[in-house]
């Protein structure tokens, strides 16, 4: 039997079955919907997995509801990923690792395994997170609103009206309200990413690889002017690695 790996984010639920590698990844928005009914519909016909492991940053009641569903359906306890569990050769910058988001830790574990010399991990989701790793040492990072959150803030708190599409393909001057908005938002994120990479390079502690993941990564990639590696499901890969390690 395969393991069920879960990434319960602030608004989205992603999952995949995995043995030695991730299978196809599925995703659905849970926010604003009943989680039990959602799981009944999407997981109700799933064969009982060998184990269930998860990264969860959703509110505690949602995390508990996920655990209750898995327990009631399959009589399994979810193995929740936490930075408190540690990882060989990877040191968390937080004085209290329990306060670091599980998704950030899972992404860092997967990135560290792929790029042990050092990397800047950028996860573009409901929030955008950046974490700097140098030879297994987590130096710290940044958190800022995600692309969609910034867009909603502008449209919800101002009189700006967008009636046309705002897709962007490259840097340039916006010539519609929509393109001005999208370039401004994506450009702000891209600028922080590149400035952070430059800072990490300037500190001389490693030759870092820029690693980008997350469901909204496509919004900023056209504006990234440096080399990068895209890993679409870095958090789930980290969950897989952490889950396997607990069995050793």
Foldseek 3Di string as FASTA:
>chain_A
DWEKEWEAEQFKIKIFTDDPDTDDIDMDGCPPHDVLVVCCVPVVPPDQHPAYEYFHDYDPVVVVVVQVNNCVRRVHGYHYAFCVVPDPLAEEPDPDRRPDGRLVVLLVQLVCVVPQQWAWEWAAEQKIKIWTDHNRYTPDIDIGGHLVVQVCCDVVVDVDDDDDAQADQADDDDDDSSVNSLCVSLVVVLVVLVVVQVVSVVVVRGNYAYEYEYDCSVSNVSYNPDDHHYDHPSSSNSRVVVVVVVVD
